[in-house]
Structure formats: structure tokens, C-alpha cells
C-alpha atoms as a PDB file:
ATOM      1  CA  MET A   1      55.178  32.773 -41.026  1.00  0.00           C
ATOM      2  CA  SER A   2      51.547  32.455 -39.946  1.00  0.00           C
ATOM      3  CA  ASN A   3      49.905  29.202 -39.057  1.00  0.00           C
ATOM      4  CA  ALA A   4      47.671  29.541 -42.142  1.00  0.00           C
ATOM      5  CA  THR A   5      50.655  29.864 -44.386  1.00  0.00           C
ATOM      6  CA  GLN A   6      52.444  26.955 -42.838  1.00  0.00           C
ATOM      7  CA  LYS A   7      49.299  24.940 -43.261  1.00  0.00           C
ATOM      8  CA  ALA A   8      48.896  25.893 -46.812  1.00  0.00           C
ATOM      9  CA  ILE A   9      52.483  25.058 -47.672  1.00  0.00           C
ATOM     10  CA  GLY A  10      52.336  21.788 -45.708  1.00  0.00           C
ATOM     11  CA  SER A  11      49.212  20.674 -47.439  1.00  0.00           C
ATOM     12  CA  THR A  12      50.362  21.479 -50.880  1.00  0.00           C
ATOM     13  CA  PRO A  13      49.743  18.345 -52.919  1.00  0.00           C
ATOM     14  CA  SER A  14      52.848  16.910 -54.537  1.00  0.00           C
ATOM     15  CA  HIS A  15      52.631  16.052 -58.200  1.00  0.00           C
ATOM     16  CA  THR A  16      54.537  14.256 -60.783  1.00  0.00           C
ATOM     17  CA  ARG A  17      55.750  16.279 -63.793  1.00  0.00           C
ATOM     18  CA  MET A  18      54.879  14.474 -67.026  1.00  0.00           C
ATOM     19  CA  ASN A  19      56.149  15.421 -70.446  1.00  0.00           C
ATOM     20  CA  ASP A  20      55.329  12.708 -72.887  1.00  0.00           C
ATOM     21  CA  THR A  21      55.737  13.758 -76.510  1.00  0.00           C
ATOM     22  CA  LEU A  22      57.481  12.163 -79.555  1.00  0.00           C
ATOM     23  CA  ILE A  23      60.568  14.259 -78.878  1.00  0.00           C
ATOM     24  CA  THR A  24      60.610  14.354 -75.148  1.00  0.00           C
ATOM     25  CA  ARG A  25      63.728  12.068 -74.926  1.00  0.00           C
ATOM     26  CA  TYR A  26      65.709  14.201 -77.215  1.00  0.00           C
ATOM     27  CA  GLU A  27      64.572  17.502 -75.816  1.00  0.00           C
ATOM     28  CA  LYS A  28      65.499  16.431 -72.355  1.00  0.00           C
ATOM     29  CA  LYS A  29      69.004  15.386 -73.504  1.00  0.00           C
ATOM     30  CA  ALA A  30      69.430  18.687 -75.316  1.00  0.00           C
ATOM     31  CA  LEU A  31      68.376  20.690 -72.237  1.00  0.00           C
ATOM     32  CA  LEU A  32      70.712  18.816 -69.987  1.00  0.00           C
ATOM     33  CA  TRP A  33      73.523  19.366 -72.456  1.00  0.00           C
ATOM     34  CA  LEU A  34      72.713  23.119 -72.683  1.00  0.00           C
ATOM     35  CA  ALA A  35      72.407  23.443 -68.841  1.00  0.00           C
ATOM     36  CA  ALA A  36      75.831  21.928 -68.344  1.00  0.00           C
ATOM     37  CA  ARG A  37      77.373  24.519 -70.736  1.00  0.00           C
ATOM     38  CA  MET A  38      75.539  27.610 -69.491  1.00  0.00           C
ATOM     39  CA  PRO A  39      77.958  30.241 -68.295  1.00  0.00           C
ATOM     40  CA  ALA A  40      77.840  30.940 -64.560  1.00  0.00           C
ATOM     41  CA  TRP A  41      76.386  34.404 -65.015  1.00  0.00           C
ATOM     42  CA  VAL A  42      73.197  32.873 -66.676  1.00  0.00           C
ATOM     43  CA  MET A  43      70.611  32.382 -63.918  1.00  0.00           C
ATOM     44  CA  PRO A  44      67.210  30.695 -64.220  1.00  0.00           C
ATOM     45  CA  ASP A  45      65.587  34.143 -63.799  1.00  0.00           C
ATOM     46  CA  THR A  46      67.570  35.428 -66.756  1.00  0.00           C
ATOM     47  CA  LEU A  47      66.193  32.539 -68.862  1.00  0.00           C
ATOM     48  CA  THR A  48      62.699  33.228 -67.670  1.00  0.00           C
ATOM     49  CA  ALA A  49      63.009  36.888 -68.805  1.00  0.00           C
ATOM     50  CA  LEU A  50      64.321  35.515 -72.085  1.00  0.00           C
ATOM     51  CA  GLY A  51      61.228  33.365 -72.446  1.00  0.00           C
ATOM     52  CA  LEU A  52      58.981  36.323 -71.769  1.00  0.00           C
ATOM     53  CA  PHE A  53      60.819  38.281 -74.352  1.00  0.00           C
ATOM     54  CA  GLY A  54      60.218  35.479 -76.817  1.00  0.00           C
ATOM     55  CA  SER A  55      56.527  35.677 -75.969  1.00  0.00           C
ATOM     56  CA  LEU A  56      56.523  39.392 -76.672  1.00  0.00           C
ATOM     57  CA  LEU A  57      58.238  38.700 -80.088  1.00  0.00           C
ATOM     58  CA  ILE A  58      55.495  36.170 -80.920  1.00  0.00           C
ATOM     59  CA  PHE A  59      52.835  38.742 -80.141  1.00  0.00           C
ATOM     60  CA  ALA A  60      54.618  41.526 -82.090  1.00  0.00           C
ATOM     61  CA  GLY A  61      55.072  39.240 -85.064  1.00  0.00           C
ATOM     62  CA  TYR A  62      51.451  38.287 -85.233  1.00  0.00           C
ATOM     63  CA  ALA A  63      50.300  41.845 -84.617  1.00  0.00           C
ATOM     64  CA  LEU A  64      52.486  43.181 -87.399  1.00  0.00           C
ATOM     65  CA  THR A  65      51.150  40.743 -89.882  1.00  0.00           C
ATOM     66  CA  ILE A  66      48.386  43.193 -90.474  1.00  0.00           C
ATOM     67  CA  TYR A  67      50.913  45.257 -92.379  1.00  0.00           C
ATOM     68  CA  ASP A  68      52.923  42.514 -94.009  1.00  0.00           C
ATOM     69  CA  SER A  69      52.806  38.750 -93.771  1.00  0.00           C
ATOM     70  CA  ARG A  70      56.497  38.548 -93.816  1.00  0.00           C
ATOM     71  CA  PHE A  71      56.497  39.536 -90.109  1.00  0.00           C
ATOM     72  CA  LEU A  72      55.572  35.904 -89.421  1.00  0.00           C
ATOM     73  CA  TRP A  73      59.340  35.151 -89.317  1.00  0.00           C
ATOM     74  CA  LEU A  74      59.427  37.297 -86.132  1.00  0.00           C
ATOM     75  CA  SER A  75      56.916  35.020 -84.499  1.00  0.00           C
ATOM     76  CA  SER A  76      58.832  31.943 -85.550  1.00  0.00           C
ATOM     77  CA  LEU A  77      62.004  33.522 -84.011  1.00  0.00           C
ATOM     78  CA  GLY A  78      59.968  34.262 -80.839  1.00  0.00           C
ATOM     79  CA  PHE A  79      58.831  30.639 -80.585  1.00  0.00           C
ATOM     80  CA  VAL A  80      62.423  29.501 -80.613  1.00  0.00           C
ATOM     81  CA  ILE A  81      63.538  32.129 -78.045  1.00  0.00           C
ATOM     82  CA  ASN A  82      60.563  31.294 -75.812  1.00  0.00           C
ATOM     83  CA  TRP A  83      61.260  27.627 -75.940  1.00  0.00           C
ATOM     84  CA  PHE A  84      64.940  28.155 -75.078  1.00  0.00           C
ATOM     85  CA  GLY A  85      64.191  30.445 -72.141  1.00  0.00           C
ATOM     86  CA  ASP A  86      61.078  28.751 -70.867  1.00  0.00           C
ATOM     87  CA  SER A  87      62.366  25.182 -71.144  1.00  0.00           C
ATOM     88  CA  LEU A  88      65.828  25.765 -69.872  1.00  0.00           C
ATOM     89  CA  ASP A  89      65.005  27.931 -66.838  1.00  0.00           C
ATOM     90  CA  GLY A  90      63.694  25.028 -64.743  1.00  0.00           C
ATOM     91  CA  THR A  91      66.324  22.604 -66.131  1.00  0.00           C
ATOM     92  CA  LEU A  92      69.072  24.904 -65.183  1.00  0.00           C
ATOM     93  CA  ALA A  93      67.767  25.480 -61.698  1.00  0.00           C
ATOM     94  CA  ARG A  94      67.527  21.713 -61.132  1.00  0.00           C
ATOM     95  CA  TYR A  95      70.938  21.104 -62.690  1.00  0.00           C
ATOM     96  CA  ARG A  96      72.535  23.597 -60.370  1.00  0.00           C
ATOM     97  CA  HIS A  97      70.379  22.598 -57.368  1.00  0.00           C
ATOM     98  CA  ILE A  98      69.080  26.175 -56.928  1.00  0.00           C
ATOM     99  CA  GLU A  99      65.356  25.394 -57.162  1.00  0.00           C
ATOM    100  CA  ARG A 100      63.045  27.637 -55.208  1.00  0.00           C
ATOM    101  CA  PRO A 101      61.165  25.988 -52.366  1.00  0.00           C
ATOM    102  CA  ALA A 102      57.627  25.217 -52.998  1.00  0.00           C
ATOM    103  CA  THR A 103      55.471  27.970 -51.538  1.00  0.00           C
ATOM    104  CA  ALA A 104      51.797  28.616 -51.761  1.00  0.00           C
ATOM    105  CA  PHE A 105      50.799  32.248 -52.186  1.00  0.00           C
ATOM    106  CA  SER A 106      47.104  32.556 -51.911  1.00  0.00           C
ATOM    107  CA  LEU A 107      44.491  34.708 -50.268  1.00  0.00           C
ATOM    108  CA  THR A 108      45.579  33.319 -46.905  1.00  0.00           C
ATOM    109  CA  THR A 109      49.024  34.979 -47.228  1.00  0.00           C
ATOM    110  CA  SER A 110      47.713  38.251 -48.704  1.00  0.00           C
ATOM    111  CA  PRO A 111      48.088  41.435 -46.712  1.00  0.00           C
ATOM    112  CA  MET A 112      44.295  41.961 -47.008  1.00  0.00           C
ATOM    113  CA  PRO A 113      42.638  42.558 -43.596  1.00  0.00           C
ATOM    114  CA  SER A 114      40.179  39.872 -42.569  1.00  0.00           C
ATOM    115  CA  VAL A 115      36.598  40.776 -41.722  1.00  0.00           C
ATOM    116  CA  LYS A 116      35.558  39.604 -38.373  1.00  0.00           C
ATOM    117  CA  SER A 117      31.934  39.406 -37.458  1.00  0.00           C
END
């Protein structure tokens, strides 16, 4: 790892994750309940892919409403799938203690050659 990369990682500011909504308390309990009951073969990356699939369903549902407004149900289903995958992936990683280390990928770590004058 280069000095620039170590410096970038070391200087990454820490932040506090805030989620303050009316249902936050209930959502957090539900996510922890789901994480405790996830089969071992389900990994956070699997849930991330599921969340992405939900996003594609949302897009498809909205795009197909040009032909028939009843395709909005597809978008609603996509929102549920997206919430499940996107909300649960991080919760599952934290529950299983398999979080990824905080890394900073930026221009300083790109393989682009530097220009020296």
C-alpha cells in the first residue's frame, strides 16, 4: 500500500450514522430480527444484489406504465425488495461481524500515471 493510500485511509473522517424517522425504532428491531434468522448462505453481498434487483424492478415498473398503469404494482414490489436488500445488507454484516474495513478509493489510488513536470 502506498503512503498516499495509507494517508488517505488514515485521514478518513469518522462519522455517526443517523437514522431518525418515525419508524426507525421498529425498523431497527425488525432488521435485527431478520438478521438473526438469515440462513448462513445469505451474505451481505447477496442482499446488496437483491436491493439492486429491486431498483431495476422499480425502474421497469415505472417505464412500463407507458403501456398500462397497472404496472405500478411492479414498482411497489421493487420498493419492498429494495428496502429488504438495501437495509438488511449492512445490518447482516454488522450482526455477523463481517464488515468491510473502511477504505478510501480515490484518484490517489487509481492506476493512472502521474504527470511529473
